[in-house]
Amino acid sequence: MDKYKLGLLGEAGAAGLDRGFSIRYKVFYESYLNEVSHWKYFQKYSRSFLEKPVYYAFSILGFVISLFGIEAVKKVNEIVERNAIDFYKINFNESNEDIKRILEDEEKHFSMSVDA
């Protein structure tokens, strides 16, 4: 699978998780909007019939995780964002303006878990 398809499905999943988290914790709504914009960025390069199923499955998963409390949400968010940052640094050119903006957003989302 190419890096654009992985990015596409990863951002669909991240948007879904944040949507699920934001149902109970409104602080994740801005993160959700960022993830949707990242998802749209990857849609310019690749599309998949799995996008919507991944989004909806992770939305449900995010809501279920949120039922375990904010600490569970922060831990899952920390893991997801750390891996997203690593994925971008390994697979994309960090000097690209769009990728740089996405990385900044991901680092901001990561800090929500470790600083909050």
PDB file of N, CA and C in Angstrom:
ATOM      1  N   MET A   1       0.850  -1.170   0.000  1.00  0.00           N
ATOM      2  CA  MET A   1       0.000   0.000   0.000  1.00  0.00           C
ATOM      3  C   MET A   1       0.897   1.235   0.000  1.00  0.00           C
ATOM      4  N   ASP A   2       0.573   2.210  -0.830  1.00  0.00           N
ATOM      5  CA  ASP A   2       1.437   3.390  -0.910  1.00  0.00           C
ATOM      6  C   ASP A   2       1.178   4.354   0.250  1.00  0.00           C
ATOM      7  N   LYS A   3       2.113   5.263   0.439  1.00  0.00           N
ATOM      8  CA  LYS A   3       2.057   6.168   1.587  1.00  0.00           C
ATOM      9  C   LYS A   3       0.846   7.093   1.548  1.00  0.00           C
ATOM     10  N   TYR A   4       0.362   7.430   0.366  1.00  0.00           N
ATOM     11  CA  TYR A   4      -0.806   8.305   0.282  1.00  0.00           C
ATOM     12  C   TYR A   4      -2.080   7.577   0.703  1.00  0.00           C
ATOM     13  N   LYS A   5      -2.190   6.318   0.345  1.00  0.00           N
ATOM     14  CA  LYS A   5      -3.364   5.539   0.766  1.00  0.00           C
ATOM     15  C   LYS A   5      -3.313   5.293   2.272  1.00  0.00           C
ATOM     16  N   LEU A   6      -2.129   5.013   2.806  1.00  0.00           N
ATOM     17  CA  LEU A   6      -1.991   4.855   4.259  1.00  0.00           C
ATOM     18  C   LEU A   6      -2.335   6.151   4.981  1.00  0.00           C
ATOM     19  N   GLY A   7      -1.846   7.270   4.443  1.00  0.00           N
ATOM     20  CA  GLY A   7      -2.175   8.567   5.027  1.00  0.00           C
ATOM     21  C   GLY A   7      -3.666   8.840   4.977  1.00  0.00           C
ATOM     22  N   LEU A   8      -4.280   8.520   3.854  1.00  0.00           N
ATOM     23  CA  LEU A   8      -5.719   8.716   3.668  1.00  0.00           C
ATOM     24  C   LEU A   8      -6.520   7.938   4.707  1.00  0.00           C
ATOM     25  N   LEU A   9      -6.240   6.656   4.822  1.00  0.00           N
ATOM     26  CA  LEU A   9      -6.988   5.826   5.765  1.00  0.00           C
ATOM     27  C   LEU A   9      -6.626   6.146   7.211  1.00  0.00           C
ATOM     28  N   GLY A  10      -5.372   6.510   7.444  1.00  0.00           N
ATOM     29  CA  GLY A  10      -4.962   6.911   8.787  1.00  0.00           C
ATOM     30  C   GLY A  10      -5.676   8.164   9.243  1.00  0.00           C
ATOM     31  N   GLU A  11      -5.791   9.129   8.352  1.00  0.00           N
ATOM     32  CA  GLU A  11      -6.483  10.371   8.711  1.00  0.00           C
ATOM     33  C   GLU A  11      -7.989  10.159   8.823  1.00  0.00           C
ATOM     34  N   ALA A  12      -8.550   9.251   8.021  1.00  0.00           N
ATOM     35  CA  ALA A  12      -9.972   8.915   8.167  1.00  0.00           C
ATOM     36  C   ALA A  12     -10.208   8.307   9.553  1.00  0.00           C
ATOM     37  N   GLY A  13      -9.306   7.414   9.964  1.00  0.00           N
ATOM     38  CA  GLY A  13      -9.412   6.812  11.287  1.00  0.00           C
ATOM     39  C   GLY A  13      -9.211   7.821  12.404  1.00  0.00           C
ATOM     40  N   ALA A  14      -8.233   8.708  12.235  1.00  0.00           N
ATOM     41  CA  ALA A  14      -7.972   9.735  13.249  1.00  0.00           C
ATOM     42  C   ALA A  14      -9.155  10.691  13.366  1.00  0.00           C
ATOM     43  N   ALA A  15      -9.740  11.063  12.230  1.00  0.00           N
ATOM     44  CA  ALA A  15     -10.922  11.933  12.254  1.00  0.00           C
ATOM     45  C   ALA A  15     -12.065  11.228  12.975  1.00  0.00           C
ATOM     46  N   GLY A  16     -12.226   9.945  12.704  1.00  0.00           N
ATOM     47  CA  GLY A  16     -13.265   9.182  13.382  1.00  0.00           C
ATOM     48  C   GLY A  16     -13.046   9.102  14.880  1.00  0.00           C
ATOM     49  N   LEU A  17     -11.824   8.796  15.292  1.00  0.00           N
ATOM     50  CA  LEU A  17     -11.519   8.738  16.726  1.00  0.00           C
ATOM     51  C   LEU A  17     -11.825  10.063  17.404  1.00  0.00           C
ATOM     52  N   ASP A  18     -11.339  11.153  16.808  1.00  0.00           N
ATOM     53  CA  ASP A  18     -11.566  12.465  17.419  1.00  0.00           C
ATOM     54  C   ASP A  18     -13.042  12.837  17.421  1.00  0.00           C
ATOM     55  N   ARG A  19     -13.778  12.399  16.409  1.00  0.00           N
ATOM     56  CA  ARG A  19     -15.228  12.646  16.405  1.00  0.00           C
ATOM     57  C   ARG A  19     -15.867  11.911  17.573  1.00  0.00           C
ATOM     58  N   GLY A  20     -15.467  10.663  17.778  1.00  0.00           N
ATOM     59  CA  GLY A  20     -15.985   9.898  18.906  1.00  0.00           C
ATOM     60  C   GLY A  20     -15.598  10.508  20.243  1.00  0.00           C
ATOM     61  N   PHE A  21     -14.343  10.939  20.365  1.00  0.00           N
ATOM     62  CA  PHE A  21     -13.889  11.585  21.602  1.00  0.00           C
ATOM     63  C   PHE A  21     -14.666  12.873  21.860  1.00  0.00           C
ATOM     64  N   SER A  22     -14.912  13.639  20.792  1.00  0.00           N
ATOM     65  CA  SER A  22     -15.506  14.972  20.951  1.00  0.00           C
ATOM     66  C   SER A  22     -16.978  14.924  21.340  1.00  0.00           C
ATOM     67  N   ILE A  23     -17.613  13.772  21.235  1.00  0.00           N
ATOM     68  CA  ILE A  23     -19.004  13.663  21.689  1.00  0.00           C
ATOM     69  C   ILE A  23     -19.072  13.916  23.191  1.00  0.00           C
ATOM     70  N   ARG A  24     -18.114  13.383  23.929  1.00  0.00           N
ATOM     71  CA  ARG A  24     -18.094  13.587  25.385  1.00  0.00           C
ATOM     72  C   ARG A  24     -17.139  14.693  25.818  1.00  0.00           C
ATOM     73  N   TYR A  25     -16.068  14.902  25.072  1.00  0.00           N
ATOM     74  CA  TYR A  25     -15.048  15.877  25.463  1.00  0.00           C
ATOM     75  C   TYR A  25     -14.873  16.892  24.341  1.00  0.00           C
ATOM     76  N   LYS A  26     -15.504  18.041  24.505  1.00  0.00           N
ATOM     77  CA  LYS A  26     -15.546  19.065  23.447  1.00  0.00           C
ATOM     78  C   LYS A  26     -14.166  19.595  23.087  1.00  0.00           C
ATOM     79  N   VAL A  27     -13.191  19.422  23.950  1.00  0.00           N
ATOM     80  CA  VAL A  27     -11.833  19.887  23.678  1.00  0.00           C
ATOM     81  C   VAL A  27     -11.254  19.197  22.437  1.00  0.00           C
ATOM     82  N   PHE A  28     -11.789  18.045  22.069  1.00  0.00           N
ATOM     83  CA  PHE A  28     -11.288  17.311  20.903  1.00  0.00           C
ATOM     84  C   PHE A  28     -11.965  17.723  19.600  1.00  0.00           C
ATOM     85  N   TYR A  29     -12.913  18.662  19.654  1.00  0.00           N
ATOM     86  CA  TYR A  29     -13.617  19.052  18.429  1.00  0.00           C
ATOM     87  C   TYR A  29     -12.689  19.752  17.436  1.00  0.00           C
ATOM     88  N   GLU A  30     -11.825  20.643  17.922  1.00  0.00           N
ATOM     89  CA  GLU A  30     -10.874  21.314  17.026  1.00  0.00           C
ATOM     90  C   GLU A  30      -9.923  20.295  16.395  1.00  0.00           C
ATOM     91  N   SER A  31      -9.493  19.335  17.180  1.00  0.00           N
ATOM     92  CA  SER A  31      -8.634  18.267  16.664  1.00  0.00           C
ATOM     93  C   SER A  31      -9.368  17.486  15.575  1.00  0.00           C
ATOM     94  N   TYR A  32     -10.645  17.231  15.795  1.00  0.00           N
ATOM     95  CA  TYR A  32     -11.471  16.556  14.783  1.00  0.00           C
ATOM     96  C   TYR A  32     -11.478  17.343  13.475  1.00  0.00           C
ATOM     97  N   LEU A  33     -11.684  18.650  13.561  1.00  0.00           N
ATOM     98  CA  LEU A  33     -11.711  19.482  12.351  1.00  0.00           C
ATOM     99  C   LEU A  33     -10.363  19.450  11.631  1.00  0.00           C
ATOM    100  N   ASN A  34      -9.271  19.468  12.397  1.00  0.00           N
ATOM    101  CA  ASN A  34      -7.936  19.365  11.792  1.00  0.00           C
ATOM    102  C   ASN A  34      -7.758  18.038  11.069  1.00  0.00           C
ATOM    103  N   GLU A  35      -8.172  16.961  11.706  1.00  0.00           N
ATOM    104  CA  GLU A  35      -8.013  15.635  11.098  1.00  0.00           C
ATOM    105  C   GLU A  35      -8.838  15.517   9.816  1.00  0.00           C
ATOM    106  N   VAL A  36     -10.012  16.121   9.799  1.00  0.00           N
ATOM    107  CA  VAL A  36     -10.825  16.108   8.574  1.00  0.00           C
ATOM    108  C   VAL A  36     -10.105  16.861   7.461  1.00  0.00           C
ATOM    109  N   SER A  37      -9.459  17.989   7.802  1.00  0.00           N
ATOM    110  CA  SER A  37      -8.719  18.731   6.765  1.00  0.00           C
ATOM    111  C   SER A  37      -7.519  17.923   6.269  1.00  0.00           C
ATOM    112  N   HIS A  38      -6.869  17.161   7.139  1.00  0.00           N
ATOM    113  CA  HIS A  38      -5.759  16.296   6.723  1.00  0.00           C
ATOM    114  C   HIS A  38      -6.288  15.189   5.802  1.00  0.00           C
ATOM    115  N   TRP A  39      -7.432  14.656   6.153  1.00  0.00           N
ATOM    116  CA  TRP A  39      -8.072  13.616   5.345  1.00  0.00           C
ATOM    117  C   TRP A  39      -8.358  14.153   3.944  1.00  0.00           C
ATOM    118  N   LYS A  40      -8.877  15.367   3.882  1.00  0.00           N
ATOM    119  CA  LYS A  40      -9.172  15.984   2.577  1.00  0.00           C
ATOM    120  C   LYS A  40      -7.888  16.224   1.778  1.00  0.00           C
ATOM    121  N   TYR A  41      -6.793  16.539   2.452  1.00  0.00           N
ATOM    122  CA  TYR A  41      -5.506  16.703   1.768  1.00  0.00           C
ATOM    123  C   TYR A  41      -5.135  15.403   1.046  1.00  0.00           C
ATOM    124  N   PHE A  42      -5.251  14.278   1.728  1.00  0.00           N
ATOM    125  CA  PHE A  42      -4.882  12.998   1.123  1.00  0.00           C
ATOM    126  C   PHE A  42      -5.873  12.548   0.059  1.00  0.00           C
ATOM    127  N   GLN A  43      -7.090  13.035   0.119  1.00  0.00           N
ATOM    128  CA  GLN A  43      -8.066  12.700  -0.922  1.00  0.00           C
ATOM    129  C   GLN A  43      -7.657  13.274  -2.275  1.00  0.00           C
ATOM    130  N   LYS A  44      -6.806  14.279  -2.281  1.00  0.00           N
ATOM    131  CA  LYS A  44      -6.306  14.830  -3.546  1.00  0.00           C
ATOM    132  C   LYS A  44      -5.397  13.834  -4.264  1.00  0.00           C
ATOM    133  N   TYR A  45      -4.783  12.922  -3.509  1.00  0.00           N
ATOM    134  CA  TYR A  45      -3.810  11.988  -4.067  1.00  0.00           C
ATOM    135  C   TYR A  45      -4.326  10.561  -4.208  1.00  0.00           C
ATOM    136  N   SER A  46      -5.292  10.200  -3.394  1.00  0.00           N
ATOM    137  CA  SER A  46      -5.756   8.819  -3.386  1.00  0.00           C
ATOM    138  C   SER A  46      -7.165   8.759  -2.814  1.00  0.00           C
ATOM    139  N   ARG A  47      -7.930   7.769  -3.235  1.00  0.00           N
ATOM    140  CA  ARG A  47      -9.269   7.516  -2.695  1.00  0.00           C
ATOM    141  C   ARG A  47      -9.388   6.022  -2.423  1.00  0.00           C
ATOM    142  N   SER A  48     -10.300   5.671  -1.516  1.00  0.00           N
ATOM    143  CA  SER A  48     -10.516   4.270  -1.196  1.00  0.00           C
ATOM    144  C   SER A  48     -11.957   4.066  -0.746  1.00  0.00           C
ATOM    145  N   PHE A  49     -12.513   2.929  -1.101  1.00  0.00           N
ATOM    146  CA  PHE A  49     -13.862   2.598  -0.641  1.00  0.00           C
ATOM    147  C   PHE A  49     -13.876   2.331   0.870  1.00  0.00           C
ATOM    148  N   LEU A  50     -12.702   2.204   1.479  1.00  0.00           N
ATOM    149  CA  LEU A  50     -12.597   1.945   2.916  1.00  0.00           C
ATOM    150  C   LEU A  50     -12.661   3.212   3.769  1.00  0.00           C
ATOM    151  N   GLU A  51     -12.594   4.388   3.153  1.00  0.00           N
ATOM    152  CA  GLU A  51     -12.562   5.633   3.925  1.00  0.00           C
ATOM    153  C   GLU A  51     -13.728   5.750   4.903  1.00  0.00           C
ATOM    154  N   LYS A  52     -14.942   5.671   4.396  1.00  0.00           N
ATOM    155  CA  LYS A  52     -16.129   5.840   5.250  1.00  0.00           C
ATOM    156  C   LYS A  52     -16.250   4.727   6.295  1.00  0.00           C
ATOM    157  N   PRO A  53     -16.059   3.447   5.921  1.00  0.00           N
ATOM    158  CA  PRO A  53     -16.122   2.416   6.963  1.00  0.00           C
ATOM    159  C   PRO A  53     -15.085   2.625   8.072  1.00  0.00           C
ATOM    160  N   VAL A  54     -13.872   3.030   7.692  1.00  0.00           N
ATOM    161  CA  VAL A  54     -12.833   3.299   8.692  1.00  0.00           C
ATOM    162  C   VAL A  54     -13.267   4.465   9.580  1.00  0.00           C
ATOM    163  N   TYR A  55     -13.759   5.537   8.963  1.00  0.00           N
ATOM    164  CA  TYR A  55     -14.206   6.711   9.723  1.00  0.00           C
ATOM    165  C   TYR A  55     -15.293   6.324  10.733  1.00  0.00           C
ATOM    166  N   TYR A  56     -16.323   5.632  10.274  1.00  0.00           N
ATOM    167  CA  TYR A  56     -17.438   5.295  11.164  1.00  0.00           C
ATOM    168  C   TYR A  56     -17.039   4.283  12.233  1.00  0.00           C
ATOM    169  N   ALA A  57     -16.220   3.304  11.883  1.00  0.00           N
ATOM    170  CA  ALA A  57     -15.763   2.328  12.875  1.00  0.00           C
ATOM    171  C   ALA A  57     -14.951   3.012  13.971  1.00  0.00           C
ATOM    172  N   PHE A  58     -14.074   3.931  13.573  1.00  0.00           N
ATOM    173  CA  PHE A  58     -13.255   4.619  14.564  1.00  0.00           C
ATOM    174  C   PHE A  58     -14.047   5.661  15.342  1.00  0.00           C
ATOM    175  N   SER A  59     -15.110   6.199  14.762  1.00  0.00           N
ATOM    176  CA  SER A  59     -15.995   7.099  15.516  1.00  0.00           C
ATOM    177  C   SER A  59     -16.639   6.343  16.670  1.00  0.00           C
ATOM    178  N   ILE A  60     -17.133   5.157  16.371  1.00  0.00           N
ATOM    179  CA  ILE A  60     -17.744   4.329  17.414  1.00  0.00           C
ATOM    180  C   ILE A  60     -16.702   3.934  18.449  1.00  0.00           C
ATOM    181  N   LEU A  61     -15.527   3.513  17.986  1.00  0.00           N
ATOM    182  CA  LEU A  61     -14.447   3.145  18.899  1.00  0.00           C
ATOM    183  C   LEU A  61     -14.060   4.325  19.791  1.00  0.00           C
ATOM    184  N   GLY A  62     -13.957   5.517  19.205  1.00  0.00           N
ATOM    185  CA  GLY A  62     -13.616   6.705  19.983  1.00  0.00           C
ATOM    186  C   GLY A  62     -14.640   6.999  21.060  1.00  0.00           C
ATOM    187  N   PHE A  63     -15.915   6.852  20.724  1.00  0.00           N
ATOM    188  CA  PHE A  63     -16.958   7.080  21.725  1.00  0.00           C
ATOM    189  C   PHE A  63     -16.870   6.042  22.841  1.00  0.00           C
ATOM    190  N   VAL A  64     -16.674   4.779  22.473  1.00  0.00           N
ATOM    191  CA  VAL A  64     -16.563   3.717  23.482  1.00  0.00           C
ATOM    192  C   VAL A  64     -15.365   3.978  24.392  1.00  0.00           C
ATOM    193  N   ILE A  65     -14.242   4.362  23.816  1.00  0.00           N
ATOM    194  CA  ILE A  65     -13.060   4.680  24.630  1.00  0.00           C
ATOM    195  C   ILE A  65     -13.366   5.838  25.568  1.00  0.00           C
ATOM    196  N   SER A  66     -14.115   6.830  25.086  1.00  0.00           N
ATOM    197  CA  SER A  66     -14.434   7.990  25.925  1.00  0.00           C
ATOM    198  C   SER A  66     -15.261   7.597  27.143  1.00  0.00           C
ATOM    199  N   LEU A  67     -15.977   6.493  27.077  1.00  0.00           N
ATOM    200  CA  LEU A  67     -16.763   6.032  28.223  1.00  0.00           C
ATOM    201  C   LEU A  67     -15.870   5.593  29.383  1.00  0.00           C
ATOM    202  N   PHE A  68     -14.608   5.285  29.084  1.00  0.00           N
ATOM    203  CA  PHE A  68     -13.656   4.887  30.122  1.00  0.00           C
ATOM    204  C   PHE A  68     -13.003   6.086  30.805  1.00  0.00           C
ATOM    205  N   GLY A  69     -13.295   7.294  30.325  1.00  0.00           N
ATOM    206  CA  GLY A  69     -12.801   8.504  30.966  1.00  0.00           C
ATOM    207  C   GLY A  69     -11.719   9.207  30.179  1.00  0.00           C
ATOM    208  N   ILE A  70     -11.412  10.409  30.643  1.00  0.00           N
ATOM    209  CA  ILE A  70     -10.473  11.280  29.933  1.00  0.00           C
ATOM    210  C   ILE A  70      -9.067  10.698  29.917  1.00  0.00           C
ATOM    211  N   GLU A  71      -8.672   9.987  30.961  1.00  0.00           N
ATOM    212  CA  GLU A  71      -7.320   9.408  30.990  1.00  0.00           C
ATOM    213  C   GLU A  71      -7.151   8.357  29.893  1.00  0.00           C
ATOM    214  N   ALA A  72      -8.178   7.556  29.665  1.00  0.00           N
ATOM    215  CA  ALA A  72      -8.123   6.562  28.584  1.00  0.00           C
ATOM    216  C   ALA A  72      -8.051   7.257  27.233  1.00  0.00           C
ATOM    217  N   VAL A  73      -8.838   8.314  27.071  1.00  0.00           N
ATOM    218  CA  VAL A  73      -8.835   9.075  25.820  1.00  0.00           C
ATOM    219  C   VAL A  73      -7.456   9.676  25.578  1.00  0.00           C
ATOM    220  N   LYS A  74      -6.871  10.275  26.614  1.00  0.00           N
ATOM    221  CA  LYS A  74      -5.553  10.890  26.468  1.00  0.00           C
ATOM    222  C   LYS A  74      -4.486   9.857  26.113  1.00  0.00           C
ATOM    223  N   LYS A  75      -4.557   8.679  26.715  1.00  0.00           N
ATOM    224  CA  LYS A  75      -3.564   7.635  26.433  1.00  0.00           C
ATOM    225  C   LYS A  75      -3.677   7.149  24.989  1.00  0.00           C
ATOM    226  N   VAL A  76      -4.898   6.891  24.529  1.00  0.00           N
ATOM    227  CA  VAL A  76      -5.092   6.453  23.140  1.00  0.00           C
ATOM    228  C   VAL A  76      -4.657   7.551  22.183  1.00  0.00           C
ATOM    229  N   ASN A  77      -5.032   8.787  22.485  1.00  0.00           N
ATOM    230  CA  ASN A  77      -4.652   9.920  21.636  1.00  0.00           C
ATOM    231  C   ASN A  77      -3.134  10.061  21.565  1.00  0.00           C
ATOM    232  N   GLU A  78      -2.464   9.883  22.690  1.00  0.00           N
ATOM    233  CA  GLU A  78      -0.997   9.967  22.722  1.00  0.00           C
ATOM    234  C   GLU A  78      -0.373   8.924  21.794  1.00  0.00           C
ATOM    235  N   ILE A  79      -0.849   7.699  21.865  1.00  0.00           N
ATOM    236  CA  ILE A  79      -0.314   6.624  21.018  1.00  0.00           C
ATOM    237  C   ILE A  79      -0.568   6.916  19.545  1.00  0.00           C
ATOM    238  N   VAL A  80      -1.793   7.305  19.220  1.00  0.00           N
ATOM    239  CA  VAL A  80      -2.166   7.569  17.827  1.00  0.00           C
ATOM    240  C   VAL A  80      -1.351   8.722  17.260  1.00  0.00           C
ATOM    241  N   GLU A  81      -1.254   9.814  17.990  1.00  0.00           N
ATOM    242  CA  GLU A  81      -0.547  10.993  17.482  1.00  0.00           C
ATOM    243  C   GLU A  81       0.957  10.751  17.380  1.00  0.00           C
ATOM    244  N   ARG A  82       1.534  10.031  18.333  1.00  0.00           N
ATOM    245  CA  ARG A  82       2.968   9.725  18.255  1.00  0.00           C
ATOM    246  C   ARG A  82       3.266   8.927  16.985  1.00  0.00           C
ATOM    247  N   ASN A  83       2.427   7.952  16.706  1.00  0.00           N
ATOM    248  CA  ASN A  83       2.625   7.144  15.499  1.00  0.00           C
ATOM    249  C   ASN A  83       2.357   7.932  14.228  1.00  0.00           C
ATOM    250  N   ALA A  84       1.410   8.848  14.257  1.00  0.00           N
ATOM    251  CA  ALA A  84       1.145   9.696  13.085  1.00  0.00           C
ATOM    252  C   ALA A  84       2.351  10.588  12.795  1.00  0.00           C
ATOM    253  N   ILE A  85       2.916  11.173  13.834  1.00  0.00           N
ATOM    254  CA  ILE A  85       4.096  12.031  13.667  1.00  0.00           C
ATOM    255  C   ILE A  85       5.247  11.224  13.071  1.00  0.00           C
ATOM    256  N   ASP A  86       5.489  10.037  13.617  1.00  0.00           N
ATOM    257  CA  ASP A  86       6.549   9.173  13.083  1.00  0.00           C
ATOM    258  C   ASP A  86       6.291   8.818  11.623  1.00  0.00           C
ATOM    259  N   PHE A  87       5.047   8.503  11.282  1.00  0.00           N
ATOM    260  CA  PHE A  87       4.684   8.166   9.903  1.00  0.00           C
ATOM    261  C   PHE A  87       5.020   9.311   8.956  1.00  0.00           C
ATOM    262  N   TYR A  88       4.651  10.531   9.327  1.00  0.00           N
ATOM    263  CA  TYR A  88       4.921  11.680   8.458  1.00  0.00           C
ATOM    264  C   TYR A  88       6.417  11.947   8.326  1.00  0.00           C
ATOM    265  N   LYS A  89       7.147  11.838   9.426  1.00  0.00           N
ATOM    266  CA  LYS A  89       8.585  12.112   9.380  1.00  0.00           C
ATOM    267  C   LYS A  89       9.337  11.080   8.546  1.00  0.00           C
ATOM    268  N   ILE A  90       8.888   9.842   8.577  1.00  0.00           N
ATOM    269  CA  ILE A  90       9.555   8.782   7.820  1.00  0.00           C
ATOM    270  C   ILE A  90       9.189   8.824   6.339  1.00  0.00           C
ATOM    271  N   ASN A  91       7.934   9.090   6.028  1.00  0.00           N
ATOM    272  CA  ASN A  91       7.435   8.903   4.665  1.00  0.00           C
ATOM    273  C   ASN A  91       7.284  10.159   3.820  1.00  0.00           C
ATOM    274  N   PHE A  92       7.363  11.341   4.418  1.00  0.00           N
ATOM    275  CA  PHE A  92       7.124  12.560   3.657  1.00  0.00           C
ATOM    276  C   PHE A  92       8.232  13.577   3.877  1.00  0.00           C
ATOM    277  N   ASN A  93       8.345  14.491   2.929  1.00  0.00           N
ATOM    278  CA  ASN A  93       9.318  15.571   2.999  1.00  0.00           C
ATOM    279  C   ASN A  93       8.788  16.652   3.943  1.00  0.00           C
ATOM    280  N   GLU A  94       9.480  16.862   5.044  1.00  0.00           N
ATOM    281  CA  GLU A  94       9.026  17.819   6.050  1.00  0.00           C
ATOM    282  C   GLU A  94       9.103  19.265   5.588  1.00  0.00           C
ATOM    283  N   SER A  95       9.792  19.536   4.490  1.00  0.00           N
ATOM    284  CA  SER A  95       9.867  20.912   3.998  1.00  0.00           C
ATOM    285  C   SER A  95       8.653  21.281   3.148  1.00  0.00           C
ATOM    286  N   ASN A  96       7.840  20.292   2.764  1.00  0.00           N
ATOM    287  CA  ASN A  96       6.589  20.558   2.053  1.00  0.00           C
ATOM    288  C   ASN A  96       5.653  21.324   2.993  1.00  0.00           C
ATOM    289  N   GLU A  97       5.119  22.447   2.526  1.00  0.00           N
ATOM    290  CA  GLU A  97       4.293  23.313   3.375  1.00  0.00           C
ATOM    291  C   GLU A  97       3.073  22.588   3.943  1.00  0.00           C
ATOM    292  N   ASP A  98       2.395  21.801   3.123  1.00  0.00           N
ATOM    293  CA  ASP A  98       1.206  21.085   3.596  1.00  0.00           C
ATOM    294  C   ASP A  98       1.573  20.054   4.656  1.00  0.00           C
ATOM    295  N   ILE A  99       2.642  19.323   4.417  1.00  0.00           N
ATOM    296  CA  ILE A  99       3.087  18.316   5.386  1.00  0.00           C
ATOM    297  C   ILE A  99       3.570  18.999   6.666  1.00  0.00           C
ATOM    298  N   LYS A 100       4.248  20.120   6.522  1.00  0.00           N
ATOM    299  CA  LYS A 100       4.707  20.871   7.692  1.00  0.00           C
ATOM    300  C   LYS A 100       3.513  21.303   8.553  1.00  0.00           C
ATOM    301  N   ARG A 101       2.448  21.786   7.907  1.00  0.00           N
ATOM    302  CA  ARG A 101       1.238  22.215   8.627  1.00  0.00           C
ATOM    303  C   ARG A 101       0.580  21.015   9.314  1.00  0.00           C
ATOM    304  N   ILE A 102       0.503  19.896   8.603  1.00  0.00           N
ATOM    305  CA  ILE A 102      -0.087  18.687   9.189  1.00  0.00           C
ATOM    306  C   ILE A 102       0.733  18.227  10.394  1.00  0.00           C
ATOM    307  N   LEU A 103       2.054  18.232  10.269  1.00  0.00           N
ATOM    308  CA  LEU A 103       2.917  17.840  11.394  1.00  0.00           C
ATOM    309  C   LEU A 103       2.723  18.758  12.596  1.00  0.00           C
ATOM    310  N   GLU A 104       2.611  20.062  12.347  1.00  0.00           N
ATOM    311  CA  GLU A 104       2.368  21.007  13.447  1.00  0.00           C
ATOM    312  C   GLU A 104       1.049  20.691  14.145  1.00  0.00           C
ATOM    313  N   ASP A 105       0.019  20.402  13.352  1.00  0.00           N
ATOM    314  CA  ASP A 105      -1.277  20.034  13.936  1.00  0.00           C
ATOM    315  C   ASP A 105      -1.164  18.757  14.754  1.00  0.00           C
ATOM    316  N   GLU A 106      -0.473  17.756  14.215  1.00  0.00           N
ATOM    317  CA  GLU A 106      -0.338  16.480  14.921  1.00  0.00           C
ATOM    318  C   GLU A 106       0.427  16.665  16.237  1.00  0.00           C
ATOM    319  N   GLU A 107       1.454  17.503  16.225  1.00  0.00           N
ATOM    320  CA  GLU A 107       2.208  17.755  17.457  1.00  0.00           C
ATOM    321  C   GLU A 107       1.350  18.493  18.480  1.00  0.00           C
ATOM    322  N   LYS A 108       0.483  19.385  17.999  1.00  0.00           N
ATOM    323  CA  LYS A 108      -0.449  20.077  18.895  1.00  0.00           C
ATOM    324  C   LYS A 108      -1.435  19.075  19.503  1.00  0.00           C
ATOM    325  N   HIS A 109      -1.934  18.159  18.683  1.00  0.00           N
ATOM    326  CA  HIS A 109      -2.857  17.138  19.187  1.00  0.00           C
ATOM    327  C   HIS A 109      -2.152  16.231  20.200  1.00  0.00           C
ATOM    328  N   PHE A 110      -0.896  15.891  19.919  1.00  0.00           N
ATOM    329  CA  PHE A 110      -0.111  15.063  20.834  1.00  0.00           C
ATOM    330  C   PHE A 110       0.044  15.762  22.182  1.00  0.00           C
ATOM    331  N   SER A 111       0.296  17.064  22.154  1.00  0.00           N
ATOM    332  CA  SER A 111       0.493  17.807  23.405  1.00  0.00           C
ATOM    333  C   SER A 111      -0.780  17.851  24.248  1.00  0.00           C
ATOM    334  N   MET A 112      -1.938  17.671  23.625  1.00  0.00           N
ATOM    335  CA  MET A 112      -3.191  17.625  24.389  1.00  0.00           C
ATOM    336  C   MET A 112      -3.195  16.441  25.348  1.00  0.00           C
ATOM    337  N   SER A 113      -2.474  15.400  25.003  1.00  0.00           N
ATOM    338  CA  SER A 113      -2.453  14.195  25.826  1.00  0.00           C
ATOM    339  C   SER A 113      -1.389  14.235  26.903  1.00  0.00           C
ATOM    340  N   VAL A 114      -0.261  14.828  26.610  1.00  0.00           N
ATOM    341  CA  VAL A 114       0.835  14.797  27.574  1.00  0.00           C
ATOM    342  C   VAL A 114       0.849  16.019  28.481  1.00  0.00           C
ATOM    343  N   ASP A 115       0.295  17.143  28.022  1.00  0.00           N
ATOM    344  CA  ASP A 115       0.303  18.361  28.831  1.00  0.00           C
ATOM    345  C   ASP A 115      -0.969  18.527  29.649  1.00  0.00           C
ATOM    346  N   ALA A 116      -2.069  18.007  29.139  1.00  0.00           N
ATOM    347  CA  ALA A 116      -3.367  18.264  29.784  1.00  0.00           C
ATOM    348  C   ALA A 116      -3.540  17.455  31.046  1.00  0.00           C
TER     349      ALA A 116
END
